[in-house]
Amino acid sequence: MIEQDIRFLRSVSAEYYTKQADLVYVPPPVNKREIGFMIGHDKVMVRHKSFDSMDKIRRFLIDNVPWDAYHSCSVYEFPEKPIDEKRELWTELAFDIDPNRLDQEWGNGSIYWI
């Protein structure tokens, strides 16, 4: 990707995060979730982040314009520590549905979503 394209994508993303910040949501307790981001030209994964509030997460998004952002389904006593030191309190059930695979065949039939 050329530098001009990257600058354009970052500016569009920054504008989106600024105008749509209220749509960014992390389930409570926010300060007990691990937050991760794909940052920079090389899309480096930055993990083990923790924020005190939704406002601080939104500010981080606007200031850093990550390619991707993630939050854990688990709630930890120490979300910013390495995985073996986090002390998991509980985990929520989540489903990840990839729409690009919805048209693939499943066994003898096809998968259709209405």
C-alpha atoms as a PDB file:
ATOM      1  CA  MET A   1       0.000   0.000   0.000  1.00  0.00           C
ATOM      2  CA  ILE A   2       1.413   3.377  -0.902  1.00  0.00           C
ATOM      3  CA  GLU A   3       1.928   6.123   1.684  1.00  0.00           C
ATOM      4  CA  GLN A   4      -0.769   8.352   0.172  1.00  0.00           C
ATOM      5  CA  ASP A   5      -3.353   5.550   0.514  1.00  0.00           C
ATOM      6  CA  ILE A   6      -2.345   4.907   4.128  1.00  0.00           C
ATOM      7  CA  ARG A   7      -2.692   8.605   4.993  1.00  0.00           C
ATOM      8  CA  PHE A   8      -6.134   8.673   3.361  1.00  0.00           C
ATOM      9  CA  LEU A   9      -7.319   5.574   5.248  1.00  0.00           C
ATOM     10  CA  ARG A  10      -6.017   6.962   8.547  1.00  0.00           C
ATOM     11  CA  SER A  11      -7.795  10.286   7.996  1.00  0.00           C
ATOM     12  CA  VAL A  12     -11.099   8.548   7.149  1.00  0.00           C
ATOM     13  CA  SER A  13     -10.758   6.275  10.191  1.00  0.00           C
ATOM     14  CA  ALA A  14      -9.890   9.196  12.483  1.00  0.00           C
ATOM     15  CA  GLU A  15     -12.938  11.078  11.227  1.00  0.00           C
ATOM     16  CA  TYR A  16     -15.115   8.011  11.815  1.00  0.00           C
ATOM     17  CA  TYR A  17     -13.807   7.500  15.368  1.00  0.00           C
ATOM     18  CA  THR A  18     -14.333  11.208  16.092  1.00  0.00           C
ATOM     19  CA  LYS A  19     -17.897  11.379  14.737  1.00  0.00           C
ATOM     20  CA  GLN A  20     -19.040   7.922  15.859  1.00  0.00           C
ATOM     21  CA  ALA A  21     -17.238   7.640  19.205  1.00  0.00           C
ATOM     22  CA  ASP A  22     -20.497   6.928  21.015  1.00  0.00           C
ATOM     23  CA  LEU A  23     -20.896   3.708  18.997  1.00  0.00           C
ATOM     24  CA  VAL A  24     -17.696   2.256  20.449  1.00  0.00           C
ATOM     25  CA  TYR A  25     -18.724  -0.036  23.282  1.00  0.00           C
ATOM     26  CA  VAL A  26     -16.957  -2.358  25.685  1.00  0.00           C
ATOM     27  CA  PRO A  27     -19.133  -4.254  28.165  1.00  0.00           C
ATOM     28  CA  PRO A  28     -18.677  -3.402  31.825  1.00  0.00           C
ATOM     29  CA  PRO A  29     -16.548  -3.593  33.799  1.00  0.00           C
ATOM     30  CA  VAL A  30     -14.428  -1.724  31.235  1.00  0.00           C
ATOM     31  CA  ASN A  31     -11.421  -1.417  33.552  1.00  0.00           C
ATOM     32  CA  LYS A  32     -11.262  -5.225  33.956  1.00  0.00           C
ATOM     33  CA  ARG A  33     -11.104  -6.049  30.222  1.00  0.00           C
ATOM     34  CA  GLU A  34      -7.981  -6.601  28.175  1.00  0.00           C
ATOM     35  CA  ILE A  35      -8.032  -4.305  25.143  1.00  0.00           C
ATOM     36  CA  GLY A  36      -5.905  -4.935  22.063  1.00  0.00           C
ATOM     37  CA  PHE A  37      -5.163  -2.990  18.889  1.00  0.00           C
ATOM     38  CA  MET A  38      -3.495  -3.436  15.512  1.00  0.00           C
ATOM     39  CA  ILE A  39      -1.330  -0.334  15.202  1.00  0.00           C
ATOM     40  CA  GLY A  40       0.896   1.253  12.553  1.00  0.00           C
ATOM     41  CA  HIS A  41       1.968   0.482   9.002  1.00  0.00           C
ATOM     42  CA  ASP A  42       3.151  -2.995   9.975  1.00  0.00           C
ATOM     43  CA  LYS A  43      -0.102  -3.724  11.844  1.00  0.00           C
ATOM     44  CA  VAL A  44       1.650  -4.615  15.086  1.00  0.00           C
ATOM     45  CA  MET A  45      -0.633  -6.180  17.704  1.00  0.00           C
ATOM     46  CA  VAL A  46      -0.595  -4.217  20.950  1.00  0.00           C
ATOM     47  CA  ARG A  47      -2.205  -6.224  23.764  1.00  0.00           C
ATOM     48  CA  HIS A  48      -2.645  -6.170  27.519  1.00  0.00           C
ATOM     49  CA  LYS A  49      -3.992  -2.606  27.507  1.00  0.00           C
ATOM     50  CA  SER A  50      -6.446  -1.522  30.163  1.00  0.00           C
ATOM     51  CA  PHE A  51      -8.500   1.675  30.411  1.00  0.00           C
ATOM     52  CA  ASP A  52     -10.400   3.231  33.306  1.00  0.00           C
ATOM     53  CA  SER A  53     -13.350   4.366  31.181  1.00  0.00           C
ATOM     54  CA  MET A  54     -15.013   4.265  27.775  1.00  0.00           C
ATOM     55  CA  ASP A  55     -13.968   7.884  27.264  1.00  0.00           C
ATOM     56  CA  LYS A  56     -10.292   6.887  27.556  1.00  0.00           C
ATOM     57  CA  ILE A  57     -10.760   4.045  25.073  1.00  0.00           C
ATOM     58  CA  ARG A  58     -12.451   6.430  22.627  1.00  0.00           C
ATOM     59  CA  ARG A  59      -9.665   8.968  23.078  1.00  0.00           C
ATOM     60  CA  PHE A  60      -7.069   6.260  22.355  1.00  0.00           C
ATOM     61  CA  LEU A  61      -8.910   5.314  19.147  1.00  0.00           C
ATOM     62  CA  ILE A  62      -9.051   8.917  17.945  1.00  0.00           C
ATOM     63  CA  ASP A  63      -5.405   9.626  18.832  1.00  0.00           C
ATOM     64  CA  ASN A  64      -3.904   6.365  17.503  1.00  0.00           C
ATOM     65  CA  VAL A  65      -6.331   5.303  14.731  1.00  0.00           C
ATOM     66  CA  PRO A  66      -5.722   1.540  14.950  1.00  0.00           C
ATOM     67  CA  TRP A  67      -6.513  -0.791  12.050  1.00  0.00           C
ATOM     68  CA  ASP A  68      -8.418  -3.067  14.411  1.00  0.00           C
ATOM     69  CA  ALA A  69      -9.552  -2.984  18.035  1.00  0.00           C
ATOM     70  CA  TYR A  70     -10.518  -5.880  20.294  1.00  0.00           C
ATOM     71  CA  HIS A  71     -11.727  -6.446  23.839  1.00  0.00           C
ATOM     72  CA  SER A  72     -11.567  -9.657  25.815  1.00  0.00           C
ATOM     73  CA  CYS A  73     -14.618 -11.740  26.607  1.00  0.00           C
ATOM     74  CA  SER A  74     -12.925 -12.443  29.901  1.00  0.00           C
ATOM     75  CA  VAL A  75     -12.899 -10.172  32.914  1.00  0.00           C
ATOM     76  CA  TYR A  76      -9.608 -10.061  34.793  1.00  0.00           C
ATOM     77  CA  GLU A  77      -8.371  -8.791  38.120  1.00  0.00           C
ATOM     78  CA  PHE A  78      -5.216  -7.490  36.369  1.00  0.00           C
ATOM     79  CA  PRO A  79      -6.007  -7.103  32.621  1.00  0.00           C
ATOM     80  CA  GLU A  80      -2.751  -5.294  31.831  1.00  0.00           C
ATOM     81  CA  LYS A  81      -0.510  -8.149  33.028  1.00  0.00           C
ATOM     82  CA  PRO A  82       0.722 -11.150  30.982  1.00  0.00           C
ATOM     83  CA  ILE A  83      -1.890 -13.893  30.540  1.00  0.00           C
ATOM     84  CA  ASP A  84      -0.573 -16.136  33.320  1.00  0.00           C
ATOM     85  CA  GLU A  85      -0.787 -13.251  35.821  1.00  0.00           C
ATOM     86  CA  LYS A  86      -4.160 -11.723  34.857  1.00  0.00           C
ATOM     87  CA  ARG A  87      -6.326 -13.750  37.313  1.00  0.00           C
ATOM     88  CA  GLU A  88      -9.474 -14.422  35.342  1.00  0.00           C
ATOM     89  CA  LEU A  89     -12.651 -13.556  37.245  1.00  0.00           C
ATOM     90  CA  TRP A  90     -15.172 -14.803  34.655  1.00  0.00           C
ATOM     91  CA  THR A  91     -15.645 -15.290  30.917  1.00  0.00           C
ATOM     92  CA  GLU A  92     -18.652 -14.448  28.798  1.00  0.00           C
ATOM     93  CA  LEU A  93     -19.863 -16.530  25.896  1.00  0.00           C
ATOM     94  CA  ALA A  94     -19.329 -14.884  22.499  1.00  0.00           C
ATOM     95  CA  PHE A  95     -19.821 -15.883  18.889  1.00  0.00           C
ATOM     96  CA  ASP A  96     -17.702 -14.693  15.966  1.00  0.00           C
ATOM     97  CA  ILE A  97     -19.666 -14.953  12.724  1.00  0.00           C
ATOM     98  CA  ASP A  98     -17.660 -14.255   9.588  1.00  0.00           C
ATOM     99  CA  PRO A  99     -20.084 -13.076   6.848  1.00  0.00           C
ATOM    100  CA  ASN A 100     -17.564 -13.816   4.094  1.00  0.00           C
ATOM    101  CA  ARG A 101     -18.117 -17.532   4.769  1.00  0.00           C
ATOM    102  CA  LEU A 102     -21.921 -17.525   4.832  1.00  0.00           C
ATOM    103  CA  ASP A 103     -22.232 -18.563   1.183  1.00  0.00           C
ATOM    104  CA  GLN A 104     -20.062 -21.668   1.517  1.00  0.00           C
ATOM    105  CA  GLU A 105     -21.637 -25.074   1.338  1.00  0.00           C
ATOM    106  CA  TRP A 106     -22.149 -27.055   4.510  1.00  0.00           C
ATOM    107  CA  GLY A 107     -22.412 -30.781   3.906  1.00  0.00           C
ATOM    108  CA  ASN A 108     -25.087 -31.481   1.305  1.00  0.00           C
ATOM    109  CA  GLY A 109     -26.810 -28.119   1.580  1.00  0.00           C
ATOM    110  CA  SER A 110     -25.904 -24.490   1.691  1.00  0.00           C
ATOM    111  CA  ILE A 111     -25.951 -22.024   4.558  1.00  0.00           C
ATOM    112  CA  TYR A 112     -28.425 -19.196   4.077  1.00  0.00           C
ATOM    113  CA  TRP A 113     -29.065 -16.253   6.374  1.00  0.00           C
ATOM    114  CA  ILE A 114     -32.288 -14.289   6.249  1.00  0.00           C
END
